[in-house]
mmCIF file of all heavy atoms, coordinates in Angstrom:
data_MODEL
# 
_entry.id   MODEL 
# 
loop_
_atom_site.group_PDB 
_atom_site.id 
_atom_site.type_symbol 
_atom_site.label_atom_id 
_atom_site.label_alt_id 
_atom_site.label_comp_id 
_atom_site.label_asym_id 
_atom_site.label_entity_id 
_atom_site.label_seq_id 
_atom_site.pdbx_PDB_ins_code 
_atom_site.Cartn_x 
_atom_site.Cartn_y 
_atom_site.Cartn_z 
_atom_site.occupancy 
_atom_site.B_iso_or_equiv 
_atom_site.pdbx_formal_charge 
_atom_site.auth_seq_id 
_atom_site.auth_comp_id 
_atom_site.auth_asym_id 
_atom_site.auth_atom_id 
_atom_site.pdbx_PDB_model_num 
ATOM 1   N N   . ASN A 1 1  ? 0.817  -1.218  0.000   1.00 0.00 ? 1  ASN A N   1 
ATOM 2   C CA  . ASN A 1 1  ? 0.000  0.000   0.000   1.00 0.00 ? 1  ASN A CA  1 
ATOM 3   C C   . ASN A 1 1  ? 0.853  1.272   0.000   1.00 0.00 ? 1  ASN A C   1 
ATOM 4   O O   . ASN A 1 1  ? 0.376  2.330   0.417   1.00 0.00 ? 1  ASN A O   1 
ATOM 5   C CB  . ASN A 1 1  ? -0.935 -0.010  1.215   1.00 0.00 ? 1  ASN A CB  1 
ATOM 6   C CG  . ASN A 1 1  ? -1.862 -1.213  1.207   1.00 0.00 ? 1  ASN A CG  1 
ATOM 7   O OD1 . ASN A 1 1  ? -2.552 -1.459  0.228   1.00 0.00 ? 1  ASN A OD1 1 
ATOM 8   N ND2 . ASN A 1 1  ? -1.869 -1.982  2.293   1.00 0.00 ? 1  ASN A ND2 1 
ATOM 9   N N   . ASN A 1 2  ? 2.087  1.139   -0.439  1.00 0.00 ? 2  ASN A N   1 
ATOM 10  C CA  . ASN A 1 2  ? 2.986  2.291   -0.512  1.00 0.00 ? 2  ASN A CA  1 
ATOM 11  C C   . ASN A 1 2  ? 2.319  3.409   -1.321  1.00 0.00 ? 2  ASN A C   1 
ATOM 12  O O   . ASN A 1 2  ? 1.918  3.205   -2.475  1.00 0.00 ? 2  ASN A O   1 
ATOM 13  C CB  . ASN A 1 2  ? 4.298  1.875   -1.168  1.00 0.00 ? 2  ASN A CB  1 
ATOM 14  C CG  . ASN A 1 2  ? 5.299  3.000   -1.256  1.00 0.00 ? 2  ASN A CG  1 
ATOM 15  O OD1 . ASN A 1 2  ? 5.250  3.816   -2.169  1.00 0.00 ? 2  ASN A OD1 1 
ATOM 16  N ND2 . ASN A 1 2  ? 6.216  3.038   -0.311  1.00 0.00 ? 2  ASN A ND2 1 
ATOM 17  N N   . LYS A 1 3  ? 2.205  4.571   -0.734  1.00 0.00 ? 3  LYS A N   1 
ATOM 18  C CA  . LYS A 1 3  ? 1.409  5.629   -1.359  1.00 0.00 ? 3  LYS A CA  1 
ATOM 19  C C   . LYS A 1 3  ? 2.014  6.156   -2.653  1.00 0.00 ? 3  LYS A C   1 
ATOM 20  O O   . LYS A 1 3  ? 1.284  6.589   -3.552  1.00 0.00 ? 3  LYS A O   1 
ATOM 21  C CB  . LYS A 1 3  ? 1.174  6.759   -0.359  1.00 0.00 ? 3  LYS A CB  1 
ATOM 22  C CG  . LYS A 1 3  ? 0.184  6.368   0.730   1.00 0.00 ? 3  LYS A CG  1 
ATOM 23  C CD  . LYS A 1 3  ? -0.233 7.550   1.577   1.00 0.00 ? 3  LYS A CD  1 
ATOM 24  C CE  . LYS A 1 3  ? -1.337 7.123   2.560   1.00 0.00 ? 3  LYS A CE  1 
ATOM 25  N NZ  . LYS A 1 3  ? -1.752 8.233   3.445   1.00 0.00 ? 3  LYS A NZ  1 
ATOM 26  N N   . PHE A 1 4  ? 3.337  6.130   -2.757  1.00 0.00 ? 4  PHE A N   1 
ATOM 27  C CA  . PHE A 1 4  ? 3.931  6.599   -4.010  1.00 0.00 ? 4  PHE A CA  1 
ATOM 28  C C   . PHE A 1 4  ? 3.563  5.674   -5.163  1.00 0.00 ? 4  PHE A C   1 
ATOM 29  O O   . PHE A 1 4  ? 3.094  6.123   -6.216  1.00 0.00 ? 4  PHE A O   1 
ATOM 30  C CB  . PHE A 1 4  ? 5.454  6.708   -3.896  1.00 0.00 ? 4  PHE A CB  1 
ATOM 31  C CG  . PHE A 1 4  ? 6.116  6.973   -5.221  1.00 0.00 ? 4  PHE A CG  1 
ATOM 32  C CD1 . PHE A 1 4  ? 6.053  8.229   -5.809  1.00 0.00 ? 4  PHE A CD1 1 
ATOM 33  C CD2 . PHE A 1 4  ? 6.764  5.946   -5.915  1.00 0.00 ? 4  PHE A CD2 1 
ATOM 34  C CE1 . PHE A 1 4  ? 6.643  8.473   -7.051  1.00 0.00 ? 4  PHE A CE1 1 
ATOM 35  C CE2 . PHE A 1 4  ? 7.352  6.177   -7.146  1.00 0.00 ? 4  PHE A CE2 1 
ATOM 36  C CZ  . PHE A 1 4  ? 7.294  7.440   -7.717  1.00 0.00 ? 4  PHE A CZ  1 
ATOM 37  N N   . THR A 1 5  ? 3.772  4.368   -4.986  1.00 0.00 ? 5  THR A N   1 
ATOM 38  C CA  . THR A 1 5  ? 3.499  3.449   -6.093  1.00 0.00 ? 5  THR A CA  1 
ATOM 39  C C   . THR A 1 5  ? 1.997  3.287   -6.336  1.00 0.00 ? 5  THR A C   1 
ATOM 40  O O   . THR A 1 5  ? 1.578  3.079   -7.474  1.00 0.00 ? 5  THR A O   1 
ATOM 41  C CB  . THR A 1 5  ? 4.148  2.075   -5.848  1.00 0.00 ? 5  THR A CB  1 
ATOM 42  O OG1 . THR A 1 5  ? 3.749  1.570   -4.565  1.00 0.00 ? 5  THR A OG1 1 
ATOM 43  C CG2 . THR A 1 5  ? 5.656  2.173   -5.911  1.00 0.00 ? 5  THR A CG2 1 
ATOM 44  N N   . VAL A 1 6  ? 1.190  3.395   -5.290  1.00 0.00 ? 6  VAL A N   1 
ATOM 45  C CA  . VAL A 1 6  ? -0.262 3.354   -5.476  1.00 0.00 ? 6  VAL A CA  1 
ATOM 46  C C   . VAL A 1 6  ? -0.711 4.527   -6.341  1.00 0.00 ? 6  VAL A C   1 
ATOM 47  O O   . VAL A 1 6  ? -1.520 4.383   -7.266  1.00 0.00 ? 6  VAL A O   1 
ATOM 48  C CB  . VAL A 1 6  ? -0.999 3.368   -4.122  1.00 0.00 ? 6  VAL A CB  1 
ATOM 49  C CG1 . VAL A 1 6  ? -2.490 3.641   -4.314  1.00 0.00 ? 6  VAL A CG1 1 
ATOM 50  C CG2 . VAL A 1 6  ? -0.809 2.040   -3.394  1.00 0.00 ? 6  VAL A CG2 1 
ATOM 51  N N   . THR A 1 7  ? -0.158 5.703   -6.047  1.00 0.00 ? 7  THR A N   1 
ATOM 52  C CA  . THR A 1 7  ? -0.478 6.899   -6.826  1.00 0.00 ? 7  THR A CA  1 
ATOM 53  C C   . THR A 1 7  ? 0.043  6.777   -8.251  1.00 0.00 ? 7  THR A C   1 
ATOM 54  O O   . THR A 1 7  ? -0.637 7.141   -9.219  1.00 0.00 ? 7  THR A O   1 
ATOM 55  C CB  . THR A 1 7  ? 0.118  8.150   -6.159  1.00 0.00 ? 7  THR A CB  1 
ATOM 56  O OG1 . THR A 1 7  ? -0.368 8.252   -4.823  1.00 0.00 ? 7  THR A OG1 1 
ATOM 57  C CG2 . THR A 1 7  ? -0.260 9.415   -6.913  1.00 0.00 ? 7  THR A CG2 1 
ATOM 58  N N   . LEU A 1 8  ? 1.255  6.234   -8.384  1.00 0.00 ? 8  LEU A N   1 
ATOM 59  C CA  . LEU A 1 8  ? 1.849  6.056   -9.713  1.00 0.00 ? 8  LEU A CA  1 
ATOM 60  C C   . LEU A 1 8  ? 1.016  5.088   -10.549 1.00 0.00 ? 8  LEU A C   1 
ATOM 61  O O   . LEU A 1 8  ? 0.764  5.339   -11.734 1.00 0.00 ? 8  LEU A O   1 
ATOM 62  C CB  . LEU A 1 8  ? 3.284  5.546   -9.576  1.00 0.00 ? 8  LEU A CB  1 
ATOM 63  C CG  . LEU A 1 8  ? 4.042  5.260   -10.878 1.00 0.00 ? 8  LEU A CG  1 
ATOM 64  C CD1 . LEU A 1 8  ? 4.178  6.526   -11.721 1.00 0.00 ? 8  LEU A CD1 1 
ATOM 65  C CD2 . LEU A 1 8  ? 5.417  4.673   -10.567 1.00 0.00 ? 8  LEU A CD2 1 
ATOM 66  N N   . LYS A 1 9  ? 0.575  3.992   -9.945  1.00 0.00 ? 9  LYS A N   1 
ATOM 67  C CA  . LYS A 1 9  ? -0.218 2.991   -10.677 1.00 0.00 ? 9  LYS A CA  1 
ATOM 68  C C   . LYS A 1 9  ? -1.520 3.565   -11.218 1.00 0.00 ? 9  LYS A C   1 
ATOM 69  O O   . LYS A 1 9  ? -2.047 3.091   -12.226 1.00 0.00 ? 9  LYS A O   1 
ATOM 70  C CB  . LYS A 1 9  ? -0.536 1.808   -9.764  1.00 0.00 ? 9  LYS A CB  1 
ATOM 71  C CG  . LYS A 1 9  ? 0.603  0.838   -9.566  1.00 0.00 ? 9  LYS A CG  1 
ATOM 72  C CD  . LYS A 1 9  ? 0.151  -0.396  -8.809  1.00 0.00 ? 9  LYS A CD  1 
ATOM 73  C CE  . LYS A 1 9  ? -0.237 -0.074  -7.377  1.00 0.00 ? 9  LYS A CE  1 
ATOM 74  N NZ  . LYS A 1 9  ? -0.599 -1.301  -6.619  1.00 0.00 ? 9  LYS A NZ  1 
ATOM 75  N N   . ALA A 1 10 ? -2.037 4.592   -10.536 1.00 0.00 ? 10 ALA A N   1 
ATOM 76  C CA  . ALA A 1 10 ? -3.303 5.191   -10.962 1.00 0.00 ? 10 ALA A CA  1 
ATOM 77  C C   . ALA A 1 10 ? -3.109 6.361   -11.910 1.00 0.00 ? 10 ALA A C   1 
ATOM 78  O O   . ALA A 1 10 ? -4.092 6.930   -12.401 1.00 0.00 ? 10 ALA A O   1 
ATOM 79  C CB  . ALA A 1 10 ? -4.090 5.645   -9.728  1.00 0.00 ? 10 ALA A CB  1 
ATOM 80  N N   . ASN A 1 11 ? -1.842 6.713   -12.168 1.00 0.00 ? 11 ASN A N   1 
ATOM 81  C CA  . ASN A 1 11 ? -1.546 7.847   -13.046 1.00 0.00 ? 11 ASN A CA  1 
ATOM 82  C C   . ASN A 1 11 ? -1.843 7.490   -14.498 1.00 0.00 ? 11 ASN A C   1 
ATOM 83  O O   . ASN A 1 11 ? -1.287 6.512   -15.016 1.00 0.00 ? 11 ASN A O   1 
ATOM 84  C CB  . ASN A 1 11 ? -0.079 8.259   -12.890 1.00 0.00 ? 11 ASN A CB  1 
ATOM 85  C CG  . ASN A 1 11 ? 0.281  9.472   -13.711 1.00 0.00 ? 11 ASN A CG  1 
ATOM 86  O OD1 . ASN A 1 11 ? 0.552  9.360   -14.896 1.00 0.00 ? 11 ASN A OD1 1 
ATOM 87  N ND2 . ASN A 1 11 ? 0.274  10.635  -13.090 1.00 0.00 ? 11 ASN A ND2 1 
ATOM 88  N N   . PRO A 1 12 ? -2.701 8.220   -15.181 1.00 0.00 ? 12 PRO A N   1 
ATOM 89  C CA  . PRO A 1 12 ? -3.085 7.854   -16.553 1.00 0.00 ? 12 PRO A CA  1 
ATOM 90  C C   . PRO A 1 12 ? -1.924 7.902   -17.540 1.00 0.00 ? 12 PRO A C   1 
ATOM 91  O O   . PRO A 1 12 ? -1.855 7.072   -18.468 1.00 0.00 ? 12 PRO A O   1 
ATOM 92  C CB  . PRO A 1 12 ? -4.169 8.878   -16.905 1.00 0.00 ? 12 PRO A CB  1 
ATOM 93  C CG  . PRO A 1 12 ? -3.969 10.017  -15.945 1.00 0.00 ? 12 PRO A CG  1 
ATOM 94  C CD  . PRO A 1 12 ? -3.442 9.414   -14.690 1.00 0.00 ? 12 PRO A CD  1 
ATOM 95  N N   . ASP A 1 13 ? -1.010 8.848   -17.387 1.00 0.00 ? 13 ASP A N   1 
ATOM 96  C CA  . ASP A 1 13 ? 0.135  8.934   -18.298 1.00 0.00 ? 13 ASP A CA  1 
ATOM 97  C C   . ASP A 1 13 ? 1.052  7.721   -18.130 1.00 0.00 ? 13 ASP A C   1 
ATOM 98  O O   . ASP A 1 13 ? 1.578  7.183   -19.111 1.00 0.00 ? 13 ASP A O   1 
ATOM 99  C CB  . ASP A 1 13 ? 0.929  10.217  -18.052 1.00 0.00 ? 13 ASP A CB  1 
ATOM 100 C CG  . ASP A 1 13 ? 0.148  11.458  -18.431 1.00 0.00 ? 13 ASP A CG  1 
ATOM 101 O OD1 . ASP A 1 13 ? -0.742 11.355  -19.301 1.00 0.00 ? 13 ASP A OD1 1 
ATOM 102 O OD2 . ASP A 1 13 ? 0.408  12.534  -17.861 1.00 0.00 ? 13 ASP A OD2 1 
ATOM 103 N N   . PHE A 1 14 ? 1.226  7.283   -16.888 1.00 0.00 ? 14 PHE A N   1 
ATOM 104 C CA  . PHE A 1 14 ? 2.051  6.106   -16.627 1.00 0.00 ? 14 PHE A CA  1 
ATOM 105 C C   . PHE A 1 14 ? 1.415  4.867   -17.245 1.00 0.00 ? 14 PHE A C   1 
ATOM 106 O O   . PHE A 1 14 ? 2.083  4.075   -17.919 1.00 0.00 ? 14 PHE A O   1 
ATOM 107 C CB  . PHE A 1 14 ? 2.229  5.912   -15.122 1.00 0.00 ? 14 PHE A CB  1 
ATOM 108 C CG  . PHE A 1 14 ? 2.916  4.627   -14.744 1.00 0.00 ? 14 PHE A CG  1 
ATOM 109 C CD1 . PHE A 1 14 ? 4.258  4.437   -15.023 1.00 0.00 ? 14 PHE A CD1 1 
ATOM 110 C CD2 . PHE A 1 14 ? 2.212  3.601   -14.121 1.00 0.00 ? 14 PHE A CD2 1 
ATOM 111 C CE1 . PHE A 1 14 ? 4.903  3.240   -14.687 1.00 0.00 ? 14 PHE A CE1 1 
ATOM 112 C CE2 . PHE A 1 14 ? 2.838  2.412   -13.786 1.00 0.00 ? 14 PHE A CE2 1 
ATOM 113 C CZ  . PHE A 1 14 ? 4.185  2.231   -14.071 1.00 0.00 ? 14 PHE A CZ  1 
ATOM 114 N N   . ASN A 1 15 ? 0.130  4.710   -17.040 1.00 0.00 ? 15 ASN A N   1 
ATOM 115 C CA  . ASN A 1 15 ? -0.563 3.542   -17.592 1.00 0.00 ? 15 ASN A CA  1 
ATOM 116 C C   . ASN A 1 15 ? -0.542 3.527   -19.114 1.00 0.00 ? 15 ASN A C   1 
ATOM 117 O O   . ASN A 1 15 ? -0.401 2.472   -19.743 1.00 0.00 ? 15 ASN A O   1 
ATOM 118 C CB  . ASN A 1 15 ? -2.008 3.498   -17.079 1.00 0.00 ? 15 ASN A CB  1 
ATOM 119 C CG  . ASN A 1 15 ? -2.083 3.055   -15.626 1.00 0.00 ? 15 ASN A CG  1 
ATOM 120 O OD1 . ASN A 1 15 ? -1.536 2.023   -15.271 1.00 0.00 ? 15 ASN A OD1 1 
ATOM 121 N ND2 . ASN A 1 15 ? -2.739 3.832   -14.794 1.00 0.00 ? 15 ASN A ND2 1 
ATOM 122 N N   . ALA A 1 16 ? -0.673 4.710   -19.716 1.00 0.00 ? 16 ALA A N   1 
ATOM 123 C CA  . ALA A 1 16 ? -0.613 4.798   -21.180 1.00 0.00 ? 16 ALA A CA  1 
ATOM 124 C C   . ALA A 1 16 ? 0.767  4.395   -21.687 1.00 0.00 ? 16 ALA A C   1 
ATOM 125 O O   . ALA A 1 16 ? 0.891  3.701   -22.708 1.00 0.00 ? 16 ALA A O   1 
ATOM 126 C CB  . ALA A 1 16 ? -0.958 6.216   -21.624 1.00 0.00 ? 16 ALA A CB  1 
ATOM 127 N N   . ALA A 1 17 ? 1.810  4.808   -20.968 1.00 0.00 ? 17 ALA A N   1 
ATOM 128 C CA  . ALA A 1 17 ? 3.177  4.473   -21.380 1.00 0.00 ? 17 ALA A CA  1 
ATOM 129 C C   . ALA A 1 17 ? 3.461  2.981   -21.195 1.00 0.00 ? 17 ALA A C   1 
ATOM 130 O O   . ALA A 1 17 ? 4.113  2.355   -22.040 1.00 0.00 ? 17 ALA A O   1 
ATOM 131 C CB  . ALA A 1 17 ? 4.181  5.298   -20.574 1.00 0.00 ? 17 ALA A CB  1 
ATOM 132 N N   . VAL A 1 18 ? 2.974  2.404   -20.111 1.00 0.00 ? 18 VAL A N   1 
ATOM 133 C CA  . VAL A 1 18 ? 3.144  0.972   -19.885 1.00 0.00 ? 18 VAL A CA  1 
ATOM 134 C C   . VAL A 1 18 ? 2.488  0.180   -21.019 1.00 0.00 ? 18 VAL A C   1 
ATOM 135 O O   . VAL A 1 18 ? 3.049  -0.797  -21.525 1.00 0.00 ? 18 VAL A O   1 
ATOM 136 C CB  . VAL A 1 18 ? 2.539  0.555   -18.517 1.00 0.00 ? 18 VAL A CB  1 
ATOM 137 C CG1 . VAL A 1 18 ? 2.448  -0.964  -18.407 1.00 0.00 ? 18 VAL A CG1 1 
ATOM 138 C CG2 . VAL A 1 18 ? 3.371  1.121   -17.373 1.00 0.00 ? 18 VAL A CG2 1 
ATOM 139 N N   . HIS A 1 19 ? 1.318  0.628   -21.429 1.00 0.00 ? 19 HIS A N   1 
ATOM 140 C CA  . HIS A 1 19 ? 0.606  -0.026  -22.532 1.00 0.00 ? 19 HIS A CA  1 
ATOM 141 C C   . HIS A 1 19 ? 1.356  0.172   -23.855 1.00 0.00 ? 19 HIS A C   1 
ATOM 142 O O   . HIS A 1 19 ? 1.504  -0.770  -24.642 1.00 0.00 ? 19 HIS A O   1 
ATOM 143 C CB  . HIS A 1 19 ? -0.810 0.541   -22.642 1.00 0.00 ? 19 HIS A CB  1 
ATOM 144 C CG  . HIS A 1 19 ? -1.603 -0.030  -23.777 1.00 0.00 ? 19 HIS A CG  1 
ATOM 145 N ND1 . HIS A 1 19 ? -2.109 -1.308  -23.766 1.00 0.00 ? 19 HIS A ND1 1 
ATOM 146 C CD2 . HIS A 1 19 ? -1.956 0.508   -24.989 1.00 0.00 ? 19 HIS A CD2 1 
ATOM 147 C CE1 . HIS A 1 19 ? -2.752 -1.545  -24.901 1.00 0.00 ? 19 HIS A CE1 1 
ATOM 148 N NE2 . HIS A 1 19 ? -2.675 -0.461  -25.661 1.00 0.00 ? 19 HIS A NE2 1 
ATOM 149 N N   . LYS A 1 20 ? 1.831  1.383   -24.091 1.00 0.00 ? 20 LYS A N   1 
ATOM 150 C CA  . LYS A 1 20 ? 2.541  1.691   -25.332 1.00 0.00 ? 20 LYS A CA  1 
ATOM 151 C C   . LYS A 1 20 ? 3.780  0.808   -25.510 1.00 0.00 ? 20 LYS A C   1 
ATOM 152 O O   . LYS A 1 20 ? 4.029  0.269   -26.600 1.00 0.00 ? 20 LYS A O   1 
ATOM 153 C CB  . LYS A 1 20 ? 2.956  3.171   -25.342 1.00 0.00 ? 20 LYS A CB  1 
ATOM 154 C CG  . LYS A 1 20 ? 3.861  3.553   -26.515 1.00 0.00 ? 20 LYS A CG  1 
ATOM 155 C CD  . LYS A 1 20 ? 4.345  4.994   -26.402 1.00 0.00 ? 20 LYS A CD  1 
ATOM 156 C CE  . LYS A 1 20 ? 5.331  5.329   -27.512 1.00 0.00 ? 20 LYS A CE  1 
ATOM 157 N NZ  . LYS A 1 20 ? 5.833  6.729   -27.401 1.00 0.00 ? 20 LYS A NZ  1 
ATOM 158 N N   . TYR A 1 21 ? 4.557  0.653   -24.428 1.00 0.00 ? 21 TYR A N   1 
ATOM 159 C CA  . TYR A 1 21 ? 5.810  -0.089  -24.516 1.00 0.00 ? 21 TYR A CA  1 
ATOM 160 C C   . TYR A 1 21 ? 5.655  -1.584  -24.191 1.00 0.00 ? 21 TYR A C   1 
ATOM 161 O O   . TYR A 1 21 ? 6.643  -2.311  -24.175 1.00 0.00 ? 21 TYR A O   1 
ATOM 162 C CB  . TYR A 1 21 ? 6.853  0.542   -23.595 1.00 0.00 ? 21 TYR A CB  1 
ATOM 163 C CG  . TYR A 1 21 ? 7.217  1.960   -23.980 1.00 0.00 ? 21 TYR A CG  1 
ATOM 164 C CD1 . TYR A 1 21 ? 7.027  3.017   -23.082 1.00 0.00 ? 21 TYR A CD1 1 
ATOM 165 C CD2 . TYR A 1 21 ? 7.740  2.259   -25.235 1.00 0.00 ? 21 TYR A CD2 1 
ATOM 166 C CE1 . TYR A 1 21 ? 7.358  4.314   -23.429 1.00 0.00 ? 21 TYR A CE1 1 
ATOM 167 C CE2 . TYR A 1 21 ? 8.074  3.551   -25.586 1.00 0.00 ? 21 TYR A CE2 1 
ATOM 168 C CZ  . TYR A 1 21 ? 7.884  4.587   -24.677 1.00 0.00 ? 21 TYR A CZ  1 
ATOM 169 O OH  . TYR A 1 21 ? 8.212  5.869   -25.026 1.00 0.00 ? 21 TYR A OH  1 
ATOM 170 N N   . LYS A 1 22 ? 4.393  -1.990  -23.901 1.00 0.00 ? 22 LYS A N   1 
ATOM 171 C CA  . LYS A 1 22 ? 4.104  -3.406  -23.619 1.00 0.00 ? 22 LYS A CA  1 
ATOM 172 C C   . LYS A 1 22 ? 4.998  -3.941  -22.504 1.00 0.00 ? 22 LYS A C   1 
ATOM 173 O O   . LYS A 1 22 ? 5.654  -4.999  -22.616 1.00 0.00 ? 22 LYS A O   1 
ATOM 174 C CB  . LYS A 1 22 ? 4.269  -4.247  -24.886 1.00 0.00 ? 22 LYS A CB  1 
ATOM 175 C CG  . LYS A 1 22 ? 3.321  -3.867  -26.016 1.00 0.00 ? 22 LYS A CG  1 
ATOM 176 C CD  . LYS A 1 22 ? 3.546  -4.732  -27.242 1.00 0.00 ? 22 LYS A CD  1 
ATOM 177 C CE  . LYS A 1 22 ? 2.516  -4.468  -28.339 1.00 0.00 ? 22 LYS A CE  1 
ATOM 178 N NZ  . LYS A 1 22 ? 2.544  -3.066  -28.827 1.00 0.00 ? 22 LYS A NZ  1 
ATOM 179 N N   . ILE A 1 23 ? 5.025  -3.213  -21.411 1.00 0.00 ? 23 ILE A N   1 
ATOM 180 C CA  . ILE A 1 23 ? 5.896  -3.569  -20.292 1.00 0.00 ? 23 ILE A CA  1 
ATOM 181 C C   . ILE A 1 23 ? 5.255  -4.648  -19.424 1.00 0.00 ? 23 ILE A C   1 
ATOM 182 O O   . ILE A 1 23 ? 4.104  -4.530  -19.024 1.00 0.00 ? 23 ILE A O   1 
ATOM 183 C CB  . ILE A 1 23 ? 6.218  -2.320  -19.444 1.00 0.00 ? 23 ILE A CB  1 
ATOM 184 C CG1 . ILE A 1 23 ? 7.029  -1.334  -20.306 1.00 0.00 ? 23 ILE A CG1 1 
ATOM 185 C CG2 . ILE A 1 23 ? 6.975  -2.694  -18.185 1.00 0.00 ? 23 ILE A CG2 1 
ATOM 186 C CD1 . ILE A 1 23 ? 7.297  -0.012  -19.649 1.00 0.00 ? 23 ILE A CD1 1 
ATOM 187 N N   . ASN A 1 24 ? 6.042  -5.685  -19.140 1.00 0.00 ? 24 ASN A N   1 
ATOM 188 C CA  . ASN A 1 24 ? 5.535  -6.774  -18.304 1.00 0.00 ? 24 ASN A CA  1 
ATOM 189 C C   . ASN A 1 24 ? 6.705  -7.474  -17.613 1.00 0.00 ? 24 ASN A C   1 
ATOM 190 O O   . ASN A 1 24 ? 7.268  -8.445  -18.146 1.00 0.00 ? 24 ASN A O   1 
ATOM 191 C CB  . ASN A 1 24 ? 4.725  -7.768  -19.144 1.00 0.00 ? 24 ASN A CB  1 
ATOM 192 C CG  . ASN A 1 24 ? 4.195  -8.922  -18.306 1.00 0.00 ? 24 ASN A CG  1 
ATOM 193 O OD1 . ASN A 1 24 ? 4.118  -8.821  -17.081 1.00 0.00 ? 24 ASN A OD1 1 
ATOM 194 N ND2 . ASN A 1 24 ? 3.832  -10.009 -18.949 1.00 0.00 ? 24 ASN A ND2 1 
ATOM 195 N N   . TRP A 1 25 ? 7.079  -6.984  -16.450 1.00 0.00 ? 25 TRP A N   1 
ATOM 196 C CA  . TRP A 1 25 ? 8.173  -7.606  -15.710 1.00 0.00 ? 25 TRP A CA  1 
ATOM 197 C C   . TRP A 1 25 ? 7.820  -9.010  -15.230 1.00 0.00 ? 25 TRP A C   1 
ATOM 198 O O   . TRP A 1 25 ? 8.688  -9.859  -15.065 1.00 0.00 ? 25 TRP A O   1 
ATOM 199 C CB  . TRP A 1 25 ? 8.545  -6.748  -14.502 1.00 0.00 ? 25 TRP A CB  1 
ATOM 200 C CG  . TRP A 1 25 ? 9.422  -5.589  -14.845 1.00 0.00 ? 25 TRP A CG  1 
ATOM 201 C CD1 . TRP A 1 25 ? 9.077  -4.277  -14.930 1.00 0.00 ? 25 TRP A CD1 1 
ATOM 202 C CD2 . TRP A 1 25 ? 10.829 -5.637  -15.148 1.00 0.00 ? 25 TRP A CD2 1 
ATOM 203 N NE1 . TRP A 1 25 ? 10.158 -3.499  -15.282 1.00 0.00 ? 25 TRP A NE1 1 
ATOM 204 C CE2 . TRP A 1 25 ? 11.245 -4.313  -15.414 1.00 0.00 ? 25 TRP A CE2 1 
ATOM 205 C CE3 . TRP A 1 25 ? 11.760 -6.673  -15.223 1.00 0.00 ? 25 TRP A CE3 1 
ATOM 206 C CZ2 . TRP A 1 25 ? 12.561 -4.001  -15.745 1.00 0.00 ? 25 TRP A CZ2 1 
ATOM 207 C CZ3 . TRP A 1 25 ? 13.082 -6.367  -15.550 1.00 0.00 ? 25 TRP A CZ3 1 
ATOM 208 C CH2 . TRP A 1 25 ? 13.470 -5.037  -15.812 1.00 0.00 ? 25 TRP A CH2 1 
ATOM 209 N N   . MET A 1 26 ? 6.534  -9.249  -15.006 1.00 0.00 ? 26 MET A N   1 
ATOM 210 C CA  . MET A 1 26 ? 6.137  -10.546 -14.459 1.00 0.00 ? 26 MET A CA  1 
ATOM 211 C C   . MET A 1 26 ? 6.176  -11.664 -15.503 1.00 0.00 ? 26 MET A C   1 
ATOM 212 O O   . MET A 1 26 ? 5.865  -12.806 -15.202 1.00 0.00 ? 26 MET A O   1 
ATOM 213 C CB  . MET A 1 26 ? 4.756  -10.450 -13.821 1.00 0.00 ? 26 MET A CB  1 
ATOM 214 C CG  . MET A 1 26 ? 4.720  -9.535  -12.597 1.00 0.00 ? 26 MET A CG  1 
ATOM 215 S SD  . MET A 1 26 ? 6.050  -9.874  -11.401 1.00 0.00 ? 26 MET A SD  1 
ATOM 216 C CE  . MET A 1 26 ? 5.487  -11.455 -10.747 1.00 0.00 ? 26 MET A CE  1 
ATOM 217 N N   . ALA A 1 27 ? 6.561  -11.329 -16.729 1.00 0.00 ? 27 ALA A N   1 
ATOM 218 C CA  . ALA A 1 27 ? 6.801  -12.383 -17.717 1.00 0.00 ? 27 ALA A CA  1 
ATOM 219 C C   . ALA A 1 27 ? 7.978  -13.241 -17.253 1.00 0.00 ? 27 ALA A C   1 
ATOM 220 O O   . ALA A 1 27 ? 8.104  -14.408 -17.626 1.00 0.00 ? 27 ALA A O   1 
ATOM 221 C CB  . ALA A 1 27 ? 7.092  -11.777 -19.082 1.00 0.00 ? 27 ALA A CB  1 
ATOM 222 N N   . ASP A 1 28 ? 8.843  -12.645 -16.455 1.00 0.00 ? 28 ASP A N   1 
ATOM 223 C CA  . ASP A 1 28 ? 9.940  -13.379 -15.812 1.00 0.00 ? 28 ASP A CA  1 
ATOM 224 C C   . ASP A 1 28 ? 9.990  -12.928 -14.355 1.00 0.00 ? 28 ASP A C   1 
ATOM 225 O O   . ASP A 1 28 ? 10.779 -12.062 -13.979 1.00 0.00 ? 28 ASP A O   1 
ATOM 226 C CB  . ASP A 1 28 ? 11.268 -13.093 -16.507 1.00 0.00 ? 28 ASP A CB  1 
ATOM 227 C CG  . ASP A 1 28 ? 12.380 -14.039 -16.054 1.00 0.00 ? 28 ASP A CG  1 
ATOM 228 O OD1 . ASP A 1 28 ? 12.199 -14.709 -15.020 1.00 0.00 ? 28 ASP A OD1 1 
ATOM 229 O OD2 . ASP A 1 28 ? 13.411 -14.105 -16.734 1.00 0.00 ? 28 ASP A OD2 1 
ATOM 230 N N   . PRO A 1 29 ? 9.124  -13.500 -13.507 1.00 0.00 ? 29 PRO A N   1 
ATOM 231 C CA  . PRO A 1 29 ? 8.969  -13.023 -12.128 1.00 0.00 ? 29 PRO A CA  1 
ATOM 232 C C   . PRO A 1 29 ? 10.210 -13.150 -11.255 1.00 0.00 ? 29 PRO A C   1 
ATOM 233 O O   . PRO A 1 29 ? 10.271 -12.544 -10.181 1.00 0.00 ? 29 PRO A O   1 
ATOM 234 C CB  . PRO A 1 29 ? 7.828  -13.900 -11.588 1.00 0.00 ? 29 PRO A CB  1 
ATOM 235 C CG  . PRO A 1 29 ? 7.831  -15.117 -12.452 1.00 0.00 ? 29 PRO A CG  1 
ATOM 236 C CD  . PRO A 1 29 ? 8.242  -14.629 -13.802 1.00 0.00 ? 29 PRO A CD  1 
# 
């Protein structure tokens, strides 16, 4: 529940960039 990362996860620009670059660290957990 870290407030920085919770806030970051809800940031629309961040989410758009994650989608754009197809980022998925959990592909190799």
